[in-house]
PDB file of N, CA and C in Angstrom:
ATOM      1  N   MET A   1      34.607 -80.320 -23.858  1.00  0.00           N
ATOM      2  CA  MET A   1      33.495 -79.398 -23.813  1.00  0.00           C
ATOM      3  C   MET A   1      33.943 -77.986 -24.207  1.00  0.00           C
ATOM      4  N   LEU A   2      35.154 -77.601 -23.793  1.00  0.00           N
ATOM      5  CA  LEU A   2      35.642 -76.259 -24.141  1.00  0.00           C
ATOM      6  C   LEU A   2      35.797 -76.107 -25.652  1.00  0.00           C
ATOM      7  N   GLY A   3      36.289 -77.165 -26.294  1.00  0.00           N
ATOM      8  CA  GLY A   3      36.427 -77.128 -27.750  1.00  0.00           C
ATOM      9  C   GLY A   3      35.083 -76.994 -28.435  1.00  0.00           C
ATOM     10  N   ALA A   4      34.082 -77.686 -27.904  1.00  0.00           N
ATOM     11  CA  ALA A   4      32.734 -77.598 -28.476  1.00  0.00           C
ATOM     12  C   ALA A   4      32.173 -76.195 -28.324  1.00  0.00           C
ATOM     13  N   ILE A   5      32.337 -75.633 -27.148  1.00  0.00           N
ATOM     14  CA  ILE A   5      31.803 -74.292 -26.898  1.00  0.00           C
ATOM     15  C   ILE A   5      32.505 -73.259 -27.783  1.00  0.00           C
ATOM     16  N   ALA A   6      33.827 -73.345 -27.871  1.00  0.00           N
ATOM     17  CA  ALA A   6      34.573 -72.405 -28.716  1.00  0.00           C
ATOM     18  C   ALA A   6      34.143 -72.535 -30.173  1.00  0.00           C
ATOM     19  N   ALA A   7      33.982 -73.773 -30.650  1.00  0.00           N
ATOM     20  CA  ALA A   7      33.563 -73.988 -32.039  1.00  0.00           C
ATOM     21  C   ALA A   7      32.167 -73.423 -32.267  1.00  0.00           C
ATOM     22  N   PHE A   8      31.260 -73.629 -31.322  1.00  0.00           N
ATOM     23  CA  PHE A   8      29.907 -73.076 -31.451  1.00  0.00           C
ATOM     24  C   PHE A   8      29.932 -71.552 -31.502  1.00  0.00           C
ATOM     25  N   VAL A   9      30.669 -70.942 -30.576  1.00  0.00           N
ATOM     26  CA  VAL A   9      30.688 -69.475 -30.482  1.00  0.00           C
ATOM     27  C   VAL A   9      31.261 -68.857 -31.753  1.00  0.00           C
ATOM     28  N   PHE A  10      32.454 -69.312 -32.159  1.00  0.00           N
ATOM     29  CA  PHE A  10      33.073 -68.743 -33.356  1.00  0.00           C
ATOM     30  C   PHE A  10      32.299 -69.134 -34.614  1.00  0.00           C
ATOM     31  N   GLY A  11      31.801 -70.356 -34.655  1.00  0.00           N
ATOM     32  CA  GLY A  11      31.028 -70.797 -35.816  1.00  0.00           C
ATOM     33  C   GLY A  11      29.754 -70.001 -35.993  1.00  0.00           C
ATOM     34  N   LEU A  12      29.034 -69.794 -34.904  1.00  0.00           N
ATOM     35  CA  LEU A  12      27.792 -69.027 -34.971  1.00  0.00           C
ATOM     36  C   LEU A  12      28.073 -67.578 -35.367  1.00  0.00           C
ATOM     37  N   ALA A  13      29.136 -67.009 -34.804  1.00  0.00           N
ATOM     38  CA  ALA A  13      29.492 -65.629 -35.149  1.00  0.00           C
ATOM     39  C   ALA A  13      29.841 -65.506 -36.628  1.00  0.00           C
ATOM     40  N   LEU A  14      30.607 -66.456 -37.158  1.00  0.00           N
ATOM     41  CA  LEU A  14      30.958 -66.413 -38.584  1.00  0.00           C
ATOM     42  C   LEU A  14      29.737 -66.641 -39.471  1.00  0.00           C
ATOM     43  N   LEU A  15      28.836 -67.471 -39.026  1.00  0.00           N
ATOM     44  CA  LEU A  15      27.644 -67.782 -39.811  1.00  0.00           C
ATOM     45  C   LEU A  15      26.667 -66.605 -39.832  1.00  0.00           C
ATOM     46  N   VAL A  16      26.456 -65.968 -38.693  1.00  0.00           N
ATOM     47  CA  VAL A  16      25.446 -64.925 -38.568  1.00  0.00           C
ATOM     48  C   VAL A  16      26.004 -63.514 -38.794  1.00  0.00           C
ATOM     49  N   PHE A  17      27.237 -63.291 -38.383  1.00  0.00           N
ATOM     50  CA  PHE A  17      27.846 -61.953 -38.478  1.00  0.00           C
ATOM     51  C   PHE A  17      29.171 -61.979 -39.246  1.00  0.00           C
ATOM     52  N   PRO A  18      29.177 -62.483 -40.472  1.00  0.00           N
ATOM     53  CA  PRO A  18      30.458 -62.617 -41.185  1.00  0.00           C
ATOM     54  C   PRO A  18      31.168 -61.282 -41.407  1.00  0.00           C
ATOM     55  N   THR A  19      30.430 -60.229 -41.688  1.00  0.00           N
ATOM     56  CA  THR A  19      31.048 -58.916 -41.937  1.00  0.00           C
ATOM     57  C   THR A  19      31.753 -58.414 -40.682  1.00  0.00           C
ATOM     58  N   THR A  20      31.111 -58.540 -39.538  1.00  0.00           N
ATOM     59  CA  THR A  20      31.695 -58.111 -38.276  1.00  0.00           C
ATOM     60  C   THR A  20      32.931 -58.927 -37.938  1.00  0.00           C
ATOM     61  N   MET A  21      32.852 -60.232 -38.133  1.00  0.00           N
ATOM     62  CA  MET A  21      33.992 -61.095 -37.835  1.00  0.00           C
ATOM     63  C   MET A  21      35.175 -60.772 -38.743  1.00  0.00           C
ATOM     64  N   LEU A  22      34.929 -60.599 -40.028  1.00  0.00           N
ATOM     65  CA  LEU A  22      36.020 -60.263 -40.945  1.00  0.00           C
ATOM     66  C   LEU A  22      36.632 -58.913 -40.596  1.00  0.00           C
ATOM     67  N   ALA A  23      35.789 -57.954 -40.244  1.00  0.00           N
ATOM     68  CA  ALA A  23      36.293 -56.632 -39.862  1.00  0.00           C
ATOM     69  C   ALA A  23      37.160 -56.726 -38.610  1.00  0.00           C
ATOM     70  N   GLY A  24      36.809 -57.623 -37.705  1.00  0.00           N
ATOM     71  CA  GLY A  24      37.596 -57.814 -36.492  1.00  0.00           C
ATOM     72  C   GLY A  24      39.007 -58.296 -36.777  1.00  0.00           C
ATOM     73  N   PHE A  25      39.184 -58.950 -37.920  1.00  0.00           N
ATOM     74  CA  PHE A  25      40.513 -59.395 -38.339  1.00  0.00           C
ATOM     75  C   PHE A  25      41.159 -58.414 -39.295  1.00  0.00           C
ATOM     76  N   GLY A  26      40.521 -57.255 -39.460  1.00  0.00           N
ATOM     77  CA  GLY A  26      41.082 -56.233 -40.333  1.00  0.00           C
ATOM     78  C   GLY A  26      40.867 -56.502 -41.808  1.00  0.00           C
ATOM     79  N   LEU A  27      39.866 -57.300 -42.131  1.00  0.00           N
ATOM     80  CA  LEU A  27      39.602 -57.671 -43.515  1.00  0.00           C
ATOM     81  C   LEU A  27      38.345 -56.987 -44.035  1.00  0.00           C
ATOM     82  N   GLY A  28      38.337 -56.716 -45.333  1.00  0.00           N
ATOM     83  CA  GLY A  28      37.143 -56.201 -45.991  1.00  0.00           C
ATOM     84  C   GLY A  28      36.117 -57.312 -46.136  1.00  0.00           C
ATOM     85  N   THR A  29      34.983 -56.961 -46.707  1.00  0.00           N
ATOM     86  CA  THR A  29      33.923 -57.965 -46.808  1.00  0.00           C
ATOM     87  C   THR A  29      33.386 -58.086 -48.228  1.00  0.00           C
ATOM     88  N   PRO A  30      34.225 -58.533 -49.149  1.00  0.00           N
ATOM     89  CA  PRO A  30      33.672 -58.823 -50.472  1.00  0.00           C
ATOM     90  C   PRO A  30      32.702 -60.003 -50.358  1.00  0.00           C
ATOM     91  N   ASN A  31      31.837 -60.150 -51.329  1.00  0.00           N
ATOM     92  CA  ASN A  31      30.857 -61.241 -51.283  1.00  0.00           C
ATOM     93  C   ASN A  31      31.522 -62.600 -51.085  1.00  0.00           C
ATOM     94  N   GLU A  32      32.670 -62.799 -51.723  1.00  0.00           N
ATOM     95  CA  GLU A  32      33.374 -64.083 -51.592  1.00  0.00           C
ATOM     96  C   GLU A  32      33.803 -64.323 -50.147  1.00  0.00           C
ATOM     97  N   GLY A  33      34.222 -63.268 -49.459  1.00  0.00           N
ATOM     98  CA  GLY A  33      34.624 -63.396 -48.063  1.00  0.00           C
ATOM     99  C   GLY A  33      33.456 -63.733 -47.158  1.00  0.00           C
ATOM    100  N   VAL A  34      32.319 -63.136 -47.428  1.00  0.00           N
ATOM    101  CA  VAL A  34      31.118 -63.407 -46.637  1.00  0.00           C
ATOM    102  C   VAL A  34      30.687 -64.863 -46.833  1.00  0.00           C
ATOM    103  N   VAL A  35      30.684 -65.311 -48.086  1.00  0.00           N
ATOM    104  CA  VAL A  35      30.299 -66.699 -48.381  1.00  0.00           C
ATOM    105  C   VAL A  35      31.247 -67.670 -47.696  1.00  0.00           C
ATOM    106  N   LEU A  36      32.548 -67.434 -47.827  1.00  0.00           N
ATOM    107  CA  LEU A  36      33.533 -68.325 -47.215  1.00  0.00           C
ATOM    108  C   LEU A  36      33.439 -68.299 -45.694  1.00  0.00           C
ATOM    109  N   SER A  37      33.219 -67.128 -45.109  1.00  0.00           N
ATOM    110  CA  SER A  37      33.072 -67.029 -43.656  1.00  0.00           C
ATOM    111  C   SER A  37      31.882 -67.848 -43.167  1.00  0.00           C
ATOM    112  N   ARG A  38      30.780 -67.765 -43.889  1.00  0.00           N
ATOM    113  CA  ARG A  38      29.602 -68.558 -43.488  1.00  0.00           C
ATOM    114  C   ARG A  38      29.872 -70.049 -43.638  1.00  0.00           C
ATOM    115  N   ASP A  39      30.600 -70.432 -44.681  1.00  0.00           N
ATOM    116  CA  ASP A  39      30.956 -71.846 -44.846  1.00  0.00           C
ATOM    117  C   ASP A  39      31.829 -72.331 -43.689  1.00  0.00           C
ATOM    118  N   VAL A  40      32.812 -71.521 -43.311  1.00  0.00           N
ATOM    119  CA  VAL A  40      33.676 -71.877 -42.185  1.00  0.00           C
ATOM    120  C   VAL A  40      32.852 -71.934 -40.895  1.00  0.00           C
ATOM    121  N   GLY A  41      31.923 -71.001 -40.731  1.00  0.00           N
ATOM    122  CA  GLY A  41      31.051 -71.015 -39.565  1.00  0.00           C
ATOM    123  C   GLY A  41      30.246 -72.300 -39.473  1.00  0.00           C
ATOM    124  N   ALA A  42      29.695 -72.728 -40.602  1.00  0.00           N
ATOM    125  CA  ALA A  42      28.925 -73.972 -40.617  1.00  0.00           C
ATOM    126  C   ALA A  42      29.809 -75.168 -40.255  1.00  0.00           C
ATOM    127  N   THR A  43      31.031 -75.180 -40.764  1.00  0.00           N
ATOM    128  CA  THR A  43      31.968 -76.265 -40.455  1.00  0.00           C
ATOM    129  C   THR A  43      32.315 -76.272 -38.971  1.00  0.00           C
ATOM    130  N   LEU A  44      32.554 -75.089 -38.400  1.00  0.00           N
ATOM    131  CA  LEU A  44      32.875 -75.009 -36.975  1.00  0.00           C
ATOM    132  C   LEU A  44      31.705 -75.472 -36.108  1.00  0.00           C
ATOM    133  N   ILE A  45      30.502 -75.135 -36.495  1.00  0.00           N
ATOM    134  CA  ILE A  45      29.339 -75.605 -35.740  1.00  0.00           C
ATOM    135  C   ILE A  45      29.269 -77.131 -35.792  1.00  0.00           C
ATOM    136  N   GLY A  46      29.540 -77.701 -36.955  1.00  0.00           N
ATOM    137  CA  GLY A  46      29.586 -79.163 -37.076  1.00  0.00           C
ATOM    138  C   GLY A  46      30.656 -79.774 -36.181  1.00  0.00           C
ATOM    139  N   LEU A  47      31.834 -79.155 -36.136  1.00  0.00           N
ATOM    140  CA  LEU A  47      32.905 -79.628 -35.256  1.00  0.00           C
ATOM    141  C   LEU A  47      32.480 -79.508 -33.799  1.00  0.00           C
ATOM    142  N   GLY A  48      31.781 -78.435 -33.473  1.00  0.00           N
ATOM    143  CA  GLY A  48      31.265 -78.274 -32.118  1.00  0.00           C
ATOM    144  C   GLY A  48      30.289 -79.378 -31.739  1.00  0.00           C
ATOM    145  N   VAL A  49      29.427 -79.755 -32.678  1.00  0.00           N
ATOM    146  CA  VAL A  49      28.468 -80.849 -32.426  1.00  0.00           C
ATOM    147  C   VAL A  49      29.224 -82.156 -32.174  1.00  0.00           C
ATOM    148  N   ILE A  50      30.229 -82.434 -33.001  1.00  0.00           N
ATOM    149  CA  ILE A  50      31.025 -83.658 -32.816  1.00  0.00           C
ATOM    150  C   ILE A  50      31.680 -83.645 -31.438  1.00  0.00           C
ATOM    151  N   ASN A  51      32.325 -82.533 -31.095  1.00  0.00           N
ATOM    152  CA  ASN A  51      32.999 -82.452 -29.796  1.00  0.00           C
ATOM    153  C   ASN A  51      32.017 -82.578 -28.640  1.00  0.00           C
ATOM    154  N   TRP A  52      30.873 -81.935 -28.751  1.00  0.00           N
ATOM    155  CA  TRP A  52      29.888 -81.997 -27.666  1.00  0.00           C
ATOM    156  C   TRP A  52      29.342 -83.413 -27.499  1.00  0.00           C
ATOM    157  N   MET A  53      29.005 -84.055 -28.593  1.00  0.00           N
ATOM    158  CA  MET A  53      28.436 -85.404 -28.506  1.00  0.00           C
ATOM    159  C   MET A  53      29.466 -86.430 -28.039  1.00  0.00           C
ATOM    160  N   ALA A  54      30.748 -86.111 -28.216  1.00  0.00           N
ATOM    161  CA  ALA A  54      31.814 -87.037 -27.829  1.00  0.00           C
ATOM    162  C   ALA A  54      32.391 -86.727 -26.447  1.00  0.00           C
ATOM    163  N   ARG A  55      31.763 -85.845 -25.710  1.00  0.00           N
ATOM    164  CA  ARG A  55      32.338 -85.425 -24.428  1.00  0.00           C
ATOM    165  C   ARG A  55      32.444 -86.571 -23.426  1.00  0.00           C
ATOM    166  N   SER A  56      31.715 -87.643 -23.621  1.00  0.00           N
ATOM    167  CA  SER A  56      31.807 -88.799 -22.722  1.00  0.00           C
ATOM    168  C   SER A  56      32.577 -89.953 -23.353  1.00  0.00           C
ATOM    169  N   ALA A  57      33.173 -89.706 -24.507  1.00  0.00           N
ATOM    170  CA  ALA A  57      33.902 -90.766 -25.205  1.00  0.00           C
ATOM    171  C   ALA A  57      35.148 -91.169 -24.421  1.00  0.00           C
ATOM    172  N   THR A  58      35.580 -92.385 -24.660  1.00  0.00           N
ATOM    173  CA  THR A  58      36.810 -92.898 -24.055  1.00  0.00           C
ATOM    174  C   THR A  58      37.569 -93.701 -25.100  1.00  0.00           C
ATOM    175  N   GLY A  59      38.795 -94.034 -24.783  1.00  0.00           N
ATOM    176  CA  GLY A  59      39.574 -94.919 -25.637  1.00  0.00           C
ATOM    177  C   GLY A  59      39.883 -94.346 -27.011  1.00  0.00           C
ATOM    178  N   THR A  60      39.868 -95.228 -28.004  1.00  0.00           N
ATOM    179  CA  THR A  60      40.230 -94.857 -29.381  1.00  0.00           C
ATOM    180  C   THR A  60      39.334 -93.767 -29.958  1.00  0.00           C
ATOM    181  N   PRO A  61      38.013 -93.798 -29.766  1.00  0.00           N
ATOM    182  CA  PRO A  61      37.184 -92.716 -30.305  1.00  0.00           C
ATOM    183  C   PRO A  61      37.570 -91.346 -29.730  1.00  0.00           C
ATOM    184  N   LEU A  62      37.822 -91.294 -28.424  1.00  0.00           N
ATOM    185  CA  LEU A  62      38.221 -90.034 -27.807  1.00  0.00           C
ATOM    186  C   LEU A  62      39.551 -89.562 -28.376  1.00  0.00           C
ATOM    187  N   ARG A  63      40.501 -90.463 -28.494  1.00  0.00           N
ATOM    188  CA  ARG A  63      41.817 -90.101 -29.026  1.00  0.00           C
ATOM    189  C   ARG A  63      41.699 -89.577 -30.453  1.00  0.00           C
ATOM    190  N   ALA A  64      40.875 -90.202 -31.279  1.00  0.00           N
ATOM    191  CA  ALA A  64      40.691 -89.758 -32.672  1.00  0.00           C
ATOM    192  C   ALA A  64      40.133 -88.338 -32.718  1.00  0.00           C
ATOM    193  N   ILE A  65      39.165 -88.056 -31.880  1.00  0.00           N
ATOM    194  CA  ILE A  65      38.556 -86.717 -31.851  1.00  0.00           C
ATOM    195  C   ILE A  65      39.563 -85.681 -31.359  1.00  0.00           C
ATOM    196  N   LEU A  66      40.319 -86.016 -30.328  1.00  0.00           N
ATOM    197  CA  LEU A  66      41.314 -85.088 -29.806  1.00  0.00           C
ATOM    198  C   LEU A  66      42.434 -84.831 -30.811  1.00  0.00           C
ATOM    199  N   VAL A  67      42.914 -85.874 -31.457  1.00  0.00           N
ATOM    200  CA  VAL A  67      43.964 -85.707 -32.471  1.00  0.00           C
ATOM    201  C   VAL A  67      43.450 -84.847 -33.625  1.00  0.00           C
ATOM    202  N   GLY A  68      42.229 -85.095 -34.062  1.00  0.00           N
ATOM    203  CA  GLY A  68      41.644 -84.278 -35.124  1.00  0.00           C
ATOM    204  C   GLY A  68      41.571 -82.812 -34.735  1.00  0.00           C
ATOM    205  N   ASN A  69      41.200 -82.545 -33.502  1.00  0.00           N
ATOM    206  CA  ASN A  69      41.132 -81.167 -33.014  1.00  0.00           C
ATOM    207  C   ASN A  69      42.516 -80.532 -32.924  1.00  0.00           C
ATOM    208  N   VAL A  70      43.525 -81.294 -32.509  1.00  0.00           N
ATOM    209  CA  VAL A  70      44.891 -80.773 -32.460  1.00  0.00           C
ATOM    210  C   VAL A  70      45.365 -80.439 -33.874  1.00  0.00           C
ATOM    211  N   VAL A  71      45.052 -81.297 -34.833  1.00  0.00           N
ATOM    212  CA  VAL A  71      45.445 -81.043 -36.222  1.00  0.00           C
ATOM    213  C   VAL A  71      44.806 -79.751 -36.733  1.00  0.00           C
ATOM    214  N   VAL A  72      43.518 -79.545 -36.449  1.00  0.00           N
ATOM    215  CA  VAL A  72      42.840 -78.314 -36.866  1.00  0.00           C
ATOM    216  C   VAL A  72      43.564 -77.098 -36.284  1.00  0.00           C
ATOM    217  N   GLN A  73      43.857 -77.128 -34.995  1.00  0.00           N
ATOM    218  CA  GLN A  73      44.504 -75.981 -34.352  1.00  0.00           C
ATOM    219  C   GLN A  73      45.913 -75.759 -34.898  1.00  0.00           C
ATOM    220  N   ALA A  74      46.673 -76.838 -35.089  1.00  0.00           N
ATOM    221  CA  ALA A  74      48.040 -76.719 -35.605  1.00  0.00           C
ATOM    222  C   ALA A  74      48.042 -76.142 -37.021  1.00  0.00           C
ATOM    223  N   LEU A  75      47.146 -76.627 -37.861  1.00  0.00           N
ATOM    224  CA  LEU A  75      47.081 -76.108 -39.224  1.00  0.00           C
ATOM    225  C   LEU A  75      46.654 -74.647 -39.246  1.00  0.00           C
ATOM    226  N   GLU A  76      45.743 -74.263 -38.379  1.00  0.00           N
ATOM    227  CA  GLU A  76      45.327 -72.861 -38.290  1.00  0.00           C
ATOM    228  C   GLU A  76      46.506 -71.978 -37.884  1.00  0.00           C
ATOM    229  N   ILE A  77      47.314 -72.450 -36.945  1.00  0.00           N
ATOM    230  CA  ILE A  77      48.484 -71.681 -36.515  1.00  0.00           C
ATOM    231  C   ILE A  77      49.460 -71.520 -37.678  1.00  0.00           C
ATOM    232  N   VAL A  78      49.734 -72.598 -38.393  1.00  0.00           N
ATOM    233  CA  VAL A  78      50.672 -72.543 -39.519  1.00  0.00           C
ATOM    234  C   VAL A  78      50.141 -71.639 -40.624  1.00  0.00           C
ATOM    235  N   VAL A  79      48.895 -71.862 -41.037  1.00  0.00           N
ATOM    236  CA  VAL A  79      48.323 -71.104 -42.152  1.00  0.00           C
ATOM    237  C   VAL A  79      48.176 -69.626 -41.790  1.00  0.00           C
ATOM    238  N   ASN A  80      47.557 -69.347 -40.651  1.00  0.00           N
ATOM    239  CA  ASN A  80      47.358 -67.947 -40.267  1.00  0.00           C
ATOM    240  C   ASN A  80      48.674 -67.255 -39.945  1.00  0.00           C
ATOM    241  N   GLY A  81      49.600 -67.980 -39.328  1.00  0.00           N
ATOM    242  CA  GLY A  81      50.917 -67.406 -39.047  1.00  0.00           C
ATOM    243  C   GLY A  81      51.628 -67.008 -40.332  1.00  0.00           C
ATOM    244  N   TYR A  82      51.574 -67.888 -41.326  1.00  0.00           N
ATOM    245  CA  TYR A  82      52.169 -67.572 -42.625  1.00  0.00           C
ATOM    246  C   TYR A  82      51.472 -66.376 -43.267  1.00  0.00           C
ATOM    247  N   GLU A  83      50.135 -66.353 -43.201  1.00  0.00           N
ATOM    248  CA  GLU A  83      49.381 -65.257 -43.815  1.00  0.00           C
ATOM    249  C   GLU A  83      49.697 -63.908 -43.165  1.00  0.00           C
ATOM    250  N   VAL A  84      49.876 -63.895 -41.848  1.00  0.00           N
ATOM    251  CA  VAL A  84      50.249 -62.657 -41.166  1.00  0.00           C
ATOM    252  C   VAL A  84      51.668 -62.254 -41.575  1.00  0.00           C
ATOM    253  N   ALA A  85      52.589 -63.220 -41.578  1.00  0.00           N
ATOM    254  CA  ALA A  85      53.981 -62.932 -41.940  1.00  0.00           C
ATOM    255  C   ALA A  85      54.097 -62.451 -43.385  1.00  0.00           C
ATOM    256  N   ALA A  86      53.270 -63.009 -44.279  1.00  0.00           N
ATOM    257  CA  ALA A  86      53.324 -62.642 -45.697  1.00  0.00           C
ATOM    258  C   ALA A  86      52.525 -61.384 -46.004  1.00  0.00           C
ATOM    259  N   GLY A  87      51.782 -60.883 -45.033  1.00  0.00           N
ATOM    260  CA  GLY A  87      50.991 -59.678 -45.240  1.00  0.00           C
ATOM    261  C   GLY A  87      49.624 -59.926 -45.859  1.00  0.00           C
ATOM    262  N   ALA A  88      49.241 -61.201 -46.019  1.00  0.00           N
ATOM    263  CA  ALA A  88      47.914 -61.513 -46.551  1.00  0.00           C
ATOM    264  C   ALA A  88      46.838 -61.286 -45.502  1.00  0.00           C
ATOM    265  N   LEU A  89      47.214 -61.393 -44.247  1.00  0.00           N
ATOM    266  CA  LEU A  89      46.325 -61.088 -43.121  1.00  0.00           C
ATOM    267  C   LEU A  89      46.948 -59.919 -42.368  1.00  0.00           C
ATOM    268  N   PRO A  90      46.145 -58.941 -41.979  1.00  0.00           N
ATOM    269  CA  PRO A  90      46.693 -57.824 -41.203  1.00  0.00           C
ATOM    270  C   PRO A  90      47.217 -58.294 -39.848  1.00  0.00           C
ATOM    271  N   VAL A  91      48.141 -57.551 -39.297  1.00  0.00           N
ATOM    272  CA  VAL A  91      48.725 -57.890 -38.001  1.00  0.00           C
ATOM    273  C   VAL A  91      47.656 -57.965 -36.911  1.00  0.00           C
ATOM    274  N   GLN A  92      46.564 -57.210 -37.050  1.00  0.00           N
ATOM    275  CA  GLN A  92      45.519 -57.262 -36.023  1.00  0.00           C
ATOM    276  C   GLN A  92      44.833 -58.618 -35.959  1.00  0.00           C
ATOM    277  N   ALA A  93      45.081 -59.501 -36.930  1.00  0.00           N
ATOM    278  CA  ALA A  93      44.540 -60.859 -36.885  1.00  0.00           C
ATOM    279  C   ALA A  93      45.415 -61.793 -36.060  1.00  0.00           C
ATOM    280  N   ALA A  94      46.632 -61.363 -35.728  1.00  0.00           N
ATOM    281  CA  ALA A  94      47.582 -62.211 -35.002  1.00  0.00           C
ATOM    282  C   ALA A  94      47.071 -62.725 -33.654  1.00  0.00           C
ATOM    283  N   PRO A  95      46.287 -61.952 -32.891  1.00  0.00           N
ATOM    284  CA  PRO A  95      45.784 -62.510 -31.626  1.00  0.00           C
ATOM    285  C   PRO A  95      44.965 -63.795 -31.806  1.00  0.00           C
ATOM    286  N   GLY A  96      44.414 -63.997 -32.989  1.00  0.00           N
ATOM    287  CA  GLY A  96      43.704 -65.250 -33.259  1.00  0.00           C
ATOM    288  C   GLY A  96      44.617 -66.458 -33.108  1.00  0.00           C
ATOM    289  N   LEU A  97      45.906 -66.246 -33.329  1.00  0.00           N
ATOM    290  CA  LEU A  97      46.870 -67.335 -33.162  1.00  0.00           C
ATOM    291  C   LEU A  97      46.913 -67.802 -31.713  1.00  0.00           C
ATOM    292  N   VAL A  98      46.736 -66.875 -30.790  1.00  0.00           N
ATOM    293  CA  VAL A  98      46.741 -67.214 -29.363  1.00  0.00           C
ATOM    294  C   VAL A  98      45.560 -68.122 -29.042  1.00  0.00           C
ATOM    295  N   VAL A  99      44.419 -67.842 -29.646  1.00  0.00           N
ATOM    296  CA  VAL A  99      43.241 -68.692 -29.433  1.00  0.00           C
ATOM    297  C   VAL A  99      43.542 -70.115 -29.891  1.00  0.00           C
ATOM    298  N   HIS A 100      44.161 -70.254 -31.062  1.00  0.00           N
ATOM    299  CA  HIS A 100      44.494 -71.589 -31.570  1.00  0.00           C
ATOM    300  C   HIS A 100      45.543 -72.268 -30.695  1.00  0.00           C
ATOM    301  N   LEU A 101      46.497 -71.505 -30.195  1.00  0.00           N
ATOM    302  CA  LEU A 101      47.492 -72.075 -29.280  1.00  0.00           C
ATOM    303  C   LEU A 101      46.838 -72.583 -28.004  1.00  0.00           C
ATOM    304  N   LEU A 102      45.938 -71.790 -27.429  1.00  0.00           N
ATOM    305  CA  LEU A 102      45.261 -72.204 -26.195  1.00  0.00           C
ATOM    306  C   LEU A 102      44.396 -73.441 -26.413  1.00  0.00           C
ATOM    307  N   LEU A 103      43.615 -73.427 -27.498  1.00  0.00           N
ATOM    308  CA  LEU A 103      42.780 -74.604 -27.773  1.00  0.00           C
ATOM    309  C   LEU A 103      43.646 -75.831 -28.038  1.00  0.00           C
ATOM    310  N   GLY A 104      44.717 -75.651 -28.795  1.00  0.00           N
ATOM    311  CA  GLY A 104      45.627 -76.774 -29.044  1.00  0.00           C
ATOM    312  C   GLY A 104      46.196 -77.321 -27.753  1.00  0.00           C
ATOM    313  N   ALA A 105      46.594 -76.434 -26.841  1.00  0.00           N
ATOM    314  CA  ALA A 105      47.133 -76.868 -25.551  1.00  0.00           C
ATOM    315  C   ALA A 105      46.084 -77.618 -24.747  1.00  0.00           C
ATOM    316  N   ILE A 106      44.850 -77.152 -24.788  1.00  0.00           N
ATOM    317  CA  ILE A 106      43.768 -77.848 -24.075  1.00  0.00           C
ATOM    318  C   ILE A 106      43.576 -79.253 -24.629  1.00  0.00           C
ATOM    319  N   PHE A 107      43.559 -79.378 -25.967  1.00  0.00           N
ATOM    320  CA  PHE A 107      43.371 -80.699 -26.575  1.00  0.00           C
ATOM    321  C   PHE A 107      44.554 -81.622 -26.300  1.00  0.00           C
ATOM    322  N   ILE A 108      45.767 -81.072 -26.330  1.00  0.00           N
ATOM    323  CA  ILE A 108      46.956 -81.899 -26.027  1.00  0.00           C
ATOM    324  C   ILE A 108      46.924 -82.346 -24.576  1.00  0.00           C
ATOM    325  N   THR A 109      46.538 -81.454 -23.671  1.00  0.00           N
ATOM    326  CA  THR A 109      46.407 -81.821 -22.262  1.00  0.00           C
ATOM    327  C   THR A 109      45.379 -82.930 -22.090  1.00  0.00           C
ATOM    328  N   ALA A 110      44.268 -82.816 -22.778  1.00  0.00           N
ATOM    329  CA  ALA A 110      43.229 -83.857 -22.702  1.00  0.00           C
ATOM    330  C   ALA A 110      43.738 -85.184 -23.254  1.00  0.00           C
ATOM    331  N   MET A 111      44.551 -85.116 -24.309  1.00  0.00           N
ATOM    332  CA  MET A 111      45.111 -86.358 -24.881  1.00  0.00           C
ATOM    333  C   MET A 111      46.042 -87.038 -23.884  1.00  0.00           C
ATOM    334  N   ARG A 112      46.799 -86.261 -23.145  1.00  0.00           N
ATOM    335  CA  ARG A 112      47.734 -86.831 -22.178  1.00  0.00           C
ATOM    336  C   ARG A 112      47.016 -87.489 -21.009  1.00  0.00           C
ATOM    337  N   ARG A 113      45.815 -86.965 -20.711  1.00  0.00           N
ATOM    338  CA  ARG A 113      45.030 -87.520 -19.599  1.00  0.00           C
ATOM    339  C   ARG A 113      44.187 -88.716 -20.027  1.00  0.00           C
ATOM    340  N   ALA A 114      43.917 -88.800 -21.329  1.00  0.00           N
ATOM    341  CA  ALA A 114      43.023 -89.866 -21.822  1.00  0.00           C
ATOM    342  C   ALA A 114      43.719 -91.212 -21.847  1.00  0.00           C
TER     343      ALA A 114
END
């Protein structure tokens, strides 16, 4: 449920307020950035729907959803970490890595309990 809520919140913010969200990461808002932010927002909302509808899942379906969520968080950490280190993302975007670490830890904890 936490993954669904986080995906909804960030997805909705990216979809409705892309300029504000990009500015929060220290990024400008060219048209391409706004379009991509809205696309990512739509994808996150979809992931939130999957997570919410699967909140009562058990067995293999639950494991598949949890593993998929861990992969998303791990890839975000790698990609964003590299972008911050390479200077493609400003350092003020680094706290976003903590969000991905926390969500990843939540999903891994859920996998261990499932």
